């Protein structure tokens, strides 16, 4: 199993666009093979910073999602809204 957190910093004016994009795609991401869980967290002290937390059955399932048409649609649109590069953390559970 793989746990992944991606920390994303947005220009405050871009937060509504990011939230709309996330809400429009979260159900489809959850339907990807191997996706066990997906959450969105907002930093309580810095409301323009968000983290996605996802749980994947395997690293291969995450890699397959990252090669999917859905990822190719969602990630570039999200990246356009960033104020700073994202930071990703992954942990494999056995």
PDB file of N, CA and C in Angstrom:
ATOM      1  N   UNK A   1       0.837  -1.174   0.000  1.00  0.00           N
ATOM      2  CA  UNK A   1       0.000   0.000   0.000  1.00  0.00           C
ATOM      3  C   UNK A   1       0.887   1.244   0.000  1.00  0.00           C
ATOM      4  N   UNK A   2       0.394   2.281  -0.625  1.00  0.00           N
ATOM      5  CA  UNK A   2       1.153   3.524  -0.733  1.00  0.00           C
ATOM      6  C   UNK A   2       0.301   4.688  -0.237  1.00  0.00           C
ATOM      7  N   UNK A   3       0.874   5.478   0.653  1.00  0.00           N
ATOM      8  CA  UNK A   3       0.240   6.708   1.114  1.00  0.00           C
ATOM      9  C   UNK A   3       0.982   7.866   0.476  1.00  0.00           C
ATOM     10  N   UNK A   4       0.232   8.867   0.015  1.00  0.00           N
ATOM     11  CA  UNK A   4       0.870   9.997  -0.664  1.00  0.00           C
ATOM     12  C   UNK A   4       0.207  11.298  -0.230  1.00  0.00           C
ATOM     13  N   UNK A   5       1.042  12.284   0.087  1.00  0.00           N
ATOM     14  CA  UNK A   5       0.578  13.628   0.419  1.00  0.00           C
ATOM     15  C   UNK A   5       1.255  14.585  -0.556  1.00  0.00           C
ATOM     16  N   UNK A   6       0.471  15.450  -1.167  1.00  0.00           N
ATOM     17  CA  UNK A   6       1.012  16.474  -2.057  1.00  0.00           C
ATOM     18  C   UNK A   6       0.594  17.829  -1.492  1.00  0.00           C
ATOM     19  N   UNK A   7       1.597  18.643  -1.144  1.00  0.00           N
ATOM     20  CA  UNK A   7       1.357  19.982  -0.582  1.00  0.00           C
ATOM     21  C   UNK A   7       1.436  20.999  -1.714  1.00  0.00           C
ATOM     22  N   UNK A   8       0.368  21.788  -1.848  1.00  0.00           N
ATOM     23  CA  UNK A   8       0.263  22.734  -2.957  1.00  0.00           C
ATOM     24  C   UNK A   8      -0.004  24.133  -2.417  1.00  0.00           C
ATOM     25  N   UNK A   9       0.759  25.100  -2.907  1.00  0.00           N
ATOM     26  CA  UNK A   9       0.598  26.497  -2.510  1.00  0.00           C
ATOM     27  C   UNK A   9       0.043  27.271  -3.694  1.00  0.00           C
ATOM     28  N   UNK A  10      -1.050  27.973  -3.452  1.00  0.00           N
ATOM     29  CA  UNK A  10      -1.726  28.731  -4.507  1.00  0.00           C
ATOM     30  C   UNK A  10      -1.688  30.219  -4.218  1.00  0.00           C
ATOM     31  N   UNK A  11      -1.728  30.996  -5.257  1.00  0.00           N
ATOM     32  CA  UNK A  11      -2.010  32.415  -5.096  1.00  0.00           C
ATOM     33  C   UNK A  11      -3.427  32.462  -4.509  1.00  0.00           C
ATOM     34  N   UNK A  12      -3.661  33.245  -3.466  1.00  0.00           N
ATOM     35  CA  UNK A  12      -4.996  33.270  -2.856  1.00  0.00           C
ATOM     36  C   UNK A  12      -6.128  33.516  -3.857  1.00  0.00           C
ATOM     37  N   UNK A  13      -5.876  34.260  -4.915  1.00  0.00           N
ATOM     38  CA  UNK A  13      -6.928  34.516  -5.900  1.00  0.00           C
ATOM     39  C   UNK A  13      -7.244  33.277  -6.730  1.00  0.00           C
ATOM     40  N   UNK A  14      -6.355  32.267  -6.710  1.00  0.00           N
ATOM     41  CA  UNK A  14      -6.546  31.052  -7.496  1.00  0.00           C
ATOM     42  C   UNK A  14      -7.201  29.915  -6.707  1.00  0.00           C
ATOM     43  N   UNK A  15      -7.382  30.101  -5.405  1.00  0.00           N
ATOM     44  CA  UNK A  15      -7.970  29.047  -4.573  1.00  0.00           C
ATOM     45  C   UNK A  15      -9.359  28.638  -5.072  1.00  0.00           C
ATOM     46  N   UNK A  16     -10.271  29.569  -5.390  1.00  0.00           N
ATOM     47  CA  UNK A  16     -11.581  29.139  -5.882  1.00  0.00           C
ATOM     48  C   UNK A  16     -11.482  28.284  -7.154  1.00  0.00           C
ATOM     49  N   UNK A  17     -10.585  28.608  -8.050  1.00  0.00           N
ATOM     50  CA  UNK A  17     -10.418  27.816  -9.277  1.00  0.00           C
ATOM     51  C   UNK A  17      -9.909  26.421  -8.940  1.00  0.00           C
ATOM     52  N   UNK A  18      -8.959  26.328  -8.005  1.00  0.00           N
ATOM     53  CA  UNK A  18      -8.459  25.011  -7.607  1.00  0.00           C
ATOM     54  C   UNK A  18      -9.567  24.185  -6.971  1.00  0.00           C
ATOM     55  N   UNK A  19     -10.327  24.775  -6.059  1.00  0.00           N
ATOM     56  CA  UNK A  19     -11.398  24.031  -5.392  1.00  0.00           C
ATOM     57  C   UNK A  19     -12.435  23.536  -6.403  1.00  0.00           C
ATOM     58  N   UNK A  20     -12.764  24.345  -7.374  1.00  0.00           N
ATOM     59  CA  UNK A  20     -13.716  23.919  -8.409  1.00  0.00           C
ATOM     60  C   UNK A  20     -13.144  22.755  -9.212  1.00  0.00           C
ATOM     61  N   UNK A  21     -11.875  22.840  -9.570  1.00  0.00           N
ATOM     62  CA  UNK A  21     -11.226  21.765 -10.317  1.00  0.00           C
ATOM     63  C   UNK A  21     -11.187  20.481  -9.492  1.00  0.00           C
ATOM     64  N   UNK A  22     -10.826  20.589  -8.223  1.00  0.00           N
ATOM     65  CA  UNK A  22     -10.774  19.406  -7.368  1.00  0.00           C
ATOM     66  C   UNK A  22     -12.155  18.772  -7.235  1.00  0.00           C
ATOM     67  N   UNK A  23     -13.144  19.585  -6.957  1.00  0.00           N
ATOM     68  CA  UNK A  23     -14.507  19.052  -6.784  1.00  0.00           C
ATOM     69  C   UNK A  23     -15.026  18.398  -8.066  1.00  0.00           C
ATOM     70  N   UNK A  24     -14.639  18.934  -9.204  1.00  0.00           N
ATOM     71  CA  UNK A  24     -15.089  18.369 -10.481  1.00  0.00           C
ATOM     72  C   UNK A  24     -14.399  17.047 -10.816  1.00  0.00           C
ATOM     73  N   UNK A  25     -13.234  16.806 -10.226  1.00  0.00           N
ATOM     74  CA  UNK A  25     -12.477  15.611 -10.600  1.00  0.00           C
ATOM     75  C   UNK A  25     -12.321  14.582  -9.484  1.00  0.00           C
ATOM     76  N   UNK A  26     -12.630  14.925  -8.242  1.00  0.00           N
ATOM     77  CA  UNK A  26     -12.340  14.011  -7.138  1.00  0.00           C
ATOM     78  C   UNK A  26     -13.058  12.669  -7.265  1.00  0.00           C
ATOM     79  N   UNK A  27     -14.299  12.651  -7.698  1.00  0.00           N
ATOM     80  CA  UNK A  27     -15.024  11.387  -7.840  1.00  0.00           C
ATOM     81  C   UNK A  27     -14.358  10.504  -8.901  1.00  0.00           C
ATOM     82  N   UNK A  28     -13.934  11.123  -9.981  1.00  0.00           N
ATOM     83  CA  UNK A  28     -13.282  10.358 -11.055  1.00  0.00           C
ATOM     84  C   UNK A  28     -11.925   9.828 -10.603  1.00  0.00           C
ATOM     85  N   UNK A  29     -11.206  10.585  -9.783  1.00  0.00           N
ATOM     86  CA  UNK A  29      -9.927  10.099  -9.261  1.00  0.00           C
ATOM     87  C   UNK A  29     -10.164   8.919  -8.333  1.00  0.00           C
ATOM     88  N   UNK A  30     -11.171   9.028  -7.479  1.00  0.00           N
ATOM     89  CA  UNK A  30     -11.480   7.927  -6.549  1.00  0.00           C
ATOM     90  C   UNK A  30     -11.860   6.645  -7.286  1.00  0.00           C
ATOM     91  N   UNK A  31     -12.321   6.770  -8.512  1.00  0.00           N
ATOM     92  CA  UNK A  31     -12.714   5.609  -9.303  1.00  0.00           C
ATOM     93  C   UNK A  31     -11.543   4.942 -10.028  1.00  0.00           C
ATOM     94  N   UNK A  32     -10.363   5.531  -9.945  1.00  0.00           N
ATOM     95  CA  UNK A  32      -9.197   4.959 -10.619  1.00  0.00           C
ATOM     96  C   UNK A  32      -8.829   3.636  -9.961  1.00  0.00           C
ATOM     97  N   UNK A  33      -8.425   2.650 -10.755  1.00  0.00           N
ATOM     98  CA  UNK A  33      -8.019   1.362 -10.167  1.00  0.00           C
ATOM     99  C   UNK A  33      -6.923   1.549  -9.119  1.00  0.00           C
ATOM    100  N   UNK A  34      -7.146   0.982  -7.955  1.00  0.00           N
ATOM    101  CA  UNK A  34      -6.155   1.035  -6.884  1.00  0.00           C
ATOM    102  C   UNK A  34      -6.284   2.211  -5.949  1.00  0.00           C
ATOM    103  N   UNK A  35      -7.104   3.205  -6.270  1.00  0.00           N
ATOM    104  CA  UNK A  35      -7.294   4.344  -5.371  1.00  0.00           C
ATOM    105  C   UNK A  35      -8.213   3.901  -4.235  1.00  0.00           C
ATOM    106  N   UNK A  36      -7.668   3.892  -3.041  1.00  0.00           N
ATOM    107  CA  UNK A  36      -8.438   3.455  -1.870  1.00  0.00           C
ATOM    108  C   UNK A  36      -9.038   4.617  -1.098  1.00  0.00           C
ATOM    109  N   UNK A  37      -8.419   5.800  -1.228  1.00  0.00           N
ATOM    110  CA  UNK A  37      -8.891   6.948  -0.448  1.00  0.00           C
ATOM    111  C   UNK A  37      -8.302   8.226  -1.026  1.00  0.00           C
ATOM    112  N   UNK A  38      -9.069   9.308  -0.945  1.00  0.00           N
ATOM    113  CA  UNK A  38      -8.601  10.621  -1.391  1.00  0.00           C
ATOM    114  C   UNK A  38      -9.251  11.678  -0.507  1.00  0.00           C
ATOM    115  N   UNK A  39      -8.434  12.557   0.049  1.00  0.00           N
ATOM    116  CA  UNK A  39      -8.921  13.666   0.874  1.00  0.00           C
ATOM    117  C   UNK A  39      -8.223  14.948   0.456  1.00  0.00           C
ATOM    118  N   UNK A  40      -8.851  16.065   0.767  1.00  0.00           N
ATOM    119  CA  UNK A  40      -8.249  17.379   0.573  1.00  0.00           C
ATOM    120  C   UNK A  40      -8.207  18.060   1.925  1.00  0.00           C
ATOM    121  N   UNK A  41      -7.033  18.544   2.296  1.00  0.00           N
ATOM    122  CA  UNK A  41      -6.850  19.256   3.554  1.00  0.00           C
ATOM    123  C   UNK A  41      -6.460  20.689   3.265  1.00  0.00           C
ATOM    124  N   UNK A  42      -6.965  21.618   4.067  1.00  0.00           N
ATOM    125  CA  UNK A  42      -6.576  23.026   3.973  1.00  0.00           C
ATOM    126  C   UNK A  42      -5.760  23.376   5.208  1.00  0.00           C
ATOM    127  N   UNK A  43      -4.655  24.084   5.020  1.00  0.00           N
ATOM    128  CA  UNK A  43      -3.828  24.527   6.131  1.00  0.00           C
ATOM    129  C   UNK A  43      -4.626  25.544   6.951  1.00  0.00           C
ATOM    130  N   UNK A  44      -4.743  25.307   8.234  1.00  0.00           N
ATOM    131  CA  UNK A  44      -5.544  26.181   9.098  1.00  0.00           C
ATOM    132  C   UNK A  44      -4.935  27.575   9.250  1.00  0.00           C
ATOM    133  N   UNK A  45      -3.624  27.665   9.180  1.00  0.00           N
ATOM    134  CA  UNK A  45      -2.948  28.952   9.362  1.00  0.00           C
ATOM    135  C   UNK A  45      -2.666  29.681   8.063  1.00  0.00           C
ATOM    136  N   UNK A  46      -2.617  28.933   6.965  1.00  0.00           N
ATOM    137  CA  UNK A  46      -2.320  29.515   5.662  1.00  0.00           C
ATOM    138  C   UNK A  46      -3.363  28.987   4.668  1.00  0.00           C
ATOM    139  N   UNK A  47      -4.514  29.627   4.580  1.00  0.00           N
ATOM    140  CA  UNK A  47      -5.629  29.074   3.814  1.00  0.00           C
ATOM    141  C   UNK A  47      -5.403  28.971   2.308  1.00  0.00           C
ATOM    142  N   UNK A  48      -4.275  29.432   1.807  1.00  0.00           N
ATOM    143  CA  UNK A  48      -3.963  29.276   0.386  1.00  0.00           C
ATOM    144  C   UNK A  48      -3.096  28.038   0.134  1.00  0.00           C
ATOM    145  N   UNK A  49      -2.852  27.258   1.202  1.00  0.00           N
ATOM    146  CA  UNK A  49      -2.090  26.021   1.079  1.00  0.00           C
ATOM    147  C   UNK A  49      -3.018  24.833   1.323  1.00  0.00           C
ATOM    148  N   UNK A  50      -2.973  23.888   0.404  1.00  0.00           N
ATOM    149  CA  UNK A  50      -3.792  22.684   0.476  1.00  0.00           C
ATOM    150  C   UNK A  50      -2.909  21.456   0.326  1.00  0.00           C
ATOM    151  N   UNK A  51      -3.375  20.347   0.876  1.00  0.00           N
ATOM    152  CA  UNK A  51      -2.716  19.065   0.685  1.00  0.00           C
ATOM    153  C   UNK A  51      -3.747  18.048   0.240  1.00  0.00           C
ATOM    154  N   UNK A  52      -3.345  17.217  -0.701  1.00  0.00           N
ATOM    155  CA  UNK A  52      -4.156  16.047  -1.000  1.00  0.00           C
ATOM    156  C   UNK A  52      -3.504  14.871  -0.289  1.00  0.00           C
ATOM    157  N   UNK A  53      -4.331  14.027   0.282  1.00  0.00           N
ATOM    158  CA  UNK A  53      -3.888  12.787   0.902  1.00  0.00           C
ATOM    159  C   UNK A  53      -4.559  11.665   0.136  1.00  0.00           C
ATOM    160  N   UNK A  54      -3.763  10.750  -0.370  1.00  0.00           N
ATOM    161  CA  UNK A  54      -4.340   9.614  -1.084  1.00  0.00           C
ATOM    162  C   UNK A  54      -3.695   8.320  -0.632  1.00  0.00           C
ATOM    163  N   UNK A  55      -4.468   7.259  -0.739  1.00  0.00           N
ATOM    164  CA  UNK A  55      -4.026   5.916  -0.366  1.00  0.00           C
ATOM    165  C   UNK A  55      -4.241   5.042  -1.595  1.00  0.00           C
ATOM    166  N   UNK A  56      -3.179   4.416  -2.048  1.00  0.00           N
ATOM    167  CA  UNK A  56      -3.215   3.583  -3.248  1.00  0.00           C
ATOM    168  C   UNK A  56      -2.869   2.155  -2.883  1.00  0.00           C
ATOM    169  N   UNK A  57      -3.475   1.209  -3.568  1.00  0.00           N
ATOM    170  CA  UNK A  57      -3.214  -0.208  -3.303  1.00  0.00           C
ATOM    171  C   UNK A  57      -1.743  -0.541  -3.541  1.00  0.00           C
ATOM    172  N   UNK A  58      -1.133   0.118  -4.512  1.00  0.00           N
ATOM    173  CA  UNK A  58       0.281  -0.130  -4.810  1.00  0.00           C
ATOM    174  C   UNK A  58       0.880   1.086  -5.518  1.00  0.00           C
ATOM    175  N   UNK A  59       2.190   1.142  -5.525  1.00  0.00           N
ATOM    176  CA  UNK A  59       2.880   2.197  -6.263  1.00  0.00           C
ATOM    177  C   UNK A  59       2.561   2.097  -7.751  1.00  0.00           C
ATOM    178  N   UNK A  60       2.386   0.874  -8.243  1.00  0.00           N
ATOM    179  CA  UNK A  60       2.048   0.687  -9.659  1.00  0.00           C
ATOM    180  C   UNK A  60       0.694   1.308  -9.987  1.00  0.00           C
ATOM    181  N   UNK A  61      -0.265   1.206  -9.070  1.00  0.00           N
ATOM    182  CA  UNK A  61      -1.580   1.822  -9.305  1.00  0.00           C
ATOM    183  C   UNK A  61      -1.457   3.340  -9.393  1.00  0.00           C
ATOM    184  N   UNK A  62      -0.649   3.936  -8.520  1.00  0.00           N
ATOM    185  CA  UNK A  62      -0.430   5.382  -8.599  1.00  0.00           C
ATOM    186  C   UNK A  62       0.260   5.738  -9.910  1.00  0.00           C
ATOM    187  N   UNK A  63       1.255   4.962 -10.291  1.00  0.00           N
ATOM    188  CA  UNK A  63       1.943   5.219 -11.569  1.00  0.00           C
ATOM    189  C   UNK A  63       0.975   5.122 -12.746  1.00  0.00           C
ATOM    190  N   UNK A  64       0.086   4.142 -12.712  1.00  0.00           N
ATOM    191  CA  UNK A  64      -0.902   4.006 -13.792  1.00  0.00           C
ATOM    192  C   UNK A  64      -1.828   5.212 -13.836  1.00  0.00           C
ATOM    193  N   UNK A  65      -2.254   5.695 -12.667  1.00  0.00           N
ATOM    194  CA  UNK A  65      -3.083   6.900 -12.637  1.00  0.00           C
ATOM    195  C   UNK A  65      -2.305   8.091 -13.212  1.00  0.00           C
ATOM    196  N   UNK A  66      -1.037   8.202 -12.853  1.00  0.00           N
ATOM    197  CA  UNK A  66      -0.234   9.336 -13.325  1.00  0.00           C
ATOM    198  C   UNK A  66       0.013   9.276 -14.833  1.00  0.00           C
ATOM    199  N   UNK A  67      -0.196   8.125 -15.455  1.00  0.00           N
ATOM    200  CA  UNK A  67      -0.094   8.001 -16.906  1.00  0.00           C
ATOM    201  C   UNK A  67      -1.463   8.082 -17.589  1.00  0.00           C
ATOM    202  N   UNK A  68      -2.514   8.239 -16.807  1.00  0.00           N
ATOM    203  CA  UNK A  68      -3.868   8.227 -17.355  1.00  0.00           C
ATOM    204  C   UNK A  68      -4.249   9.559 -18.003  1.00  0.00           C
ATOM    205  N   UNK A  69      -5.272   9.499 -18.837  1.00  0.00           N
ATOM    206  CA  UNK A  69      -5.803  10.709 -19.470  1.00  0.00           C
ATOM    207  C   UNK A  69      -6.360  11.665 -18.412  1.00  0.00           C
ATOM    208  N   UNK A  70      -6.963  11.122 -17.365  1.00  0.00           N
ATOM    209  CA  UNK A  70      -7.513  11.966 -16.305  1.00  0.00           C
ATOM    210  C   UNK A  70      -6.409  12.785 -15.639  1.00  0.00           C
ATOM    211  N   UNK A  71      -5.306  12.155 -15.282  1.00  0.00           N
ATOM    212  CA  UNK A  71      -4.185  12.884 -14.687  1.00  0.00           C
ATOM    213  C   UNK A  71      -3.659  13.923 -15.674  1.00  0.00           C
ATOM    214  N   UNK A  72      -3.589  13.560 -16.949  1.00  0.00           N
ATOM    215  CA  UNK A  72      -3.133  14.482 -17.979  1.00  0.00           C
ATOM    216  C   UNK A  72      -4.035  15.692 -18.133  1.00  0.00           C
ATOM    217  N   UNK A  73      -5.263  15.556 -17.711  1.00  0.00           N
ATOM    218  CA  UNK A  73      -6.225  16.667 -17.738  1.00  0.00           C
ATOM    219  C   UNK A  73      -6.152  17.498 -16.454  1.00  0.00           C
ATOM    220  N   UNK A  74      -6.131  16.822 -15.309  1.00  0.00           N
ATOM    221  CA  UNK A  74      -6.226  17.500 -14.014  1.00  0.00           C
ATOM    222  C   UNK A  74      -4.910  18.157 -13.598  1.00  0.00           C
ATOM    223  N   UNK A  75      -3.806  17.449 -13.723  1.00  0.00           N
ATOM    224  CA  UNK A  75      -2.552  17.978 -13.200  1.00  0.00           C
ATOM    225  C   UNK A  75      -2.092  19.247 -13.919  1.00  0.00           C
ATOM    226  N   UNK A  76      -2.081  19.314 -15.234  1.00  0.00           N
ATOM    227  CA  UNK A  76      -1.661  20.569 -15.878  1.00  0.00           C
ATOM    228  C   UNK A  76      -2.558  21.760 -15.494  1.00  0.00           C
ATOM    229  N   UNK A  77      -3.856  21.508 -15.359  1.00  0.00           N
ATOM    230  CA  UNK A  77      -4.767  22.593 -14.965  1.00  0.00           C
ATOM    231  C   UNK A  77      -4.479  23.053 -13.536  1.00  0.00           C
ATOM    232  N   UNK A  78      -4.124  22.106 -12.668  1.00  0.00           N
ATOM    233  CA  UNK A  78      -3.790  22.449 -11.291  1.00  0.00           C
ATOM    234  C   UNK A  78      -2.472  23.219 -11.241  1.00  0.00           C
ATOM    235  N   UNK A  79      -1.464  22.739 -11.971  1.00  0.00           N
ATOM    236  CA  UNK A  79      -0.140  23.374 -11.959  1.00  0.00           C
ATOM    237  C   UNK A  79      -0.202  24.835 -12.387  1.00  0.00           C
ATOM    238  N   UNK A  80      -1.123  25.180 -13.267  1.00  0.00           N
ATOM    239  CA  UNK A  80      -1.243  26.567 -13.722  1.00  0.00           C
ATOM    240  C   UNK A  80      -1.624  27.517 -12.589  1.00  0.00           C
ATOM    241  N   UNK A  81      -2.180  26.971 -11.516  1.00  0.00           N
ATOM    242  CA  UNK A  81      -2.679  27.783 -10.407  1.00  0.00           C
ATOM    243  C   UNK A  81      -1.670  27.941  -9.277  1.00  0.00           C
ATOM    244  N   UNK A  82      -0.545  27.224  -9.334  1.00  0.00           N
ATOM    245  CA  UNK A  82       0.433  27.227  -8.246  1.00  0.00           C
ATOM    246  C   UNK A  82       1.133  28.571  -8.095  1.00  0.00           C
ATOM    247  N   UNK A  83       1.409  28.918  -6.835  1.00  0.00           N
ATOM    248  CA  UNK A  83       2.251  30.068  -6.525  1.00  0.00           C
ATOM    249  C   UNK A  83       3.667  29.610  -6.177  1.00  0.00           C
ATOM    250  N   UNK A  84       3.824  28.312  -5.905  1.00  0.00           N
ATOM    251  CA  UNK A  84       5.126  27.715  -5.586  1.00  0.00           C
ATOM    252  C   UNK A  84       5.084  26.258  -6.025  1.00  0.00           C
ATOM    253  N   UNK A  85       6.243  25.662  -6.264  1.00  0.00           N
ATOM    254  CA  UNK A  85       6.255  24.248  -6.665  1.00  0.00           C
ATOM    255  C   UNK A  85       5.628  23.362  -5.589  1.00  0.00           C
ATOM    256  N   UNK A  86       4.932  22.305  -5.997  1.00  0.00           N
ATOM    257  CA  UNK A  86       4.352  21.390  -5.011  1.00  0.00           C
ATOM    258  C   UNK A  86       5.437  20.540  -4.359  1.00  0.00           C
ATOM    259  N   UNK A  87       5.101  20.003  -3.206  1.00  0.00           N
ATOM    260  CA  UNK A  87       5.997  19.103  -2.492  1.00  0.00           C
ATOM    261  C   UNK A  87       5.213  17.816  -2.249  1.00  0.00           C
ATOM    262  N   UNK A  88       5.793  16.684  -2.623  1.00  0.00           N
ATOM    263  CA  UNK A  88       5.097  15.402  -2.473  1.00  0.00           C
ATOM    264  C   UNK A  88       5.865  14.496  -1.512  1.00  0.00           C
ATOM    265  N   UNK A  89       5.114  13.771  -0.712  1.00  0.00           N
ATOM    266  CA  UNK A  89       5.655  12.799   0.224  1.00  0.00           C
ATOM    267  C   UNK A  89       4.938  11.481  -0.010  1.00  0.00           C
ATOM    268  N   UNK A  90       5.680  10.397  -0.075  1.00  0.00           N
ATOM    269  CA  UNK A  90       5.087   9.074  -0.237  1.00  0.00           C
ATOM    270  C   UNK A  90       5.667   8.129   0.797  1.00  0.00           C
ATOM    271  N   UNK A  91       4.847   7.174   1.222  1.00  0.00           N
ATOM    272  CA  UNK A  91       5.291   6.156   2.171  1.00  0.00           C
ATOM    273  C   UNK A  91       4.639   4.846   1.786  1.00  0.00           C
ATOM    274  N   UNK A  92       5.431   3.811   1.731  1.00  0.00           N
ATOM    275  CA  UNK A  92       4.912   2.483   1.425  1.00  0.00           C
ATOM    276  C   UNK A  92       4.647   1.751   2.730  1.00  0.00           C
ATOM    277  N   UNK A  93       3.469   1.168   2.835  1.00  0.00           N
ATOM    278  CA  UNK A  93       3.111   0.375   4.013  1.00  0.00           C
ATOM    279  C   UNK A  93       3.164  -1.098   3.638  1.00  0.00           C
ATOM    280  N   UNK A  94       3.656  -1.910   4.532  1.00  0.00           N
ATOM    281  CA  UNK A  94       3.704  -3.354   4.279  1.00  0.00           C
ATOM    282  C   UNK A  94       2.779  -4.073   5.202  1.00  0.00           C
TER     283      UNK A  94
END
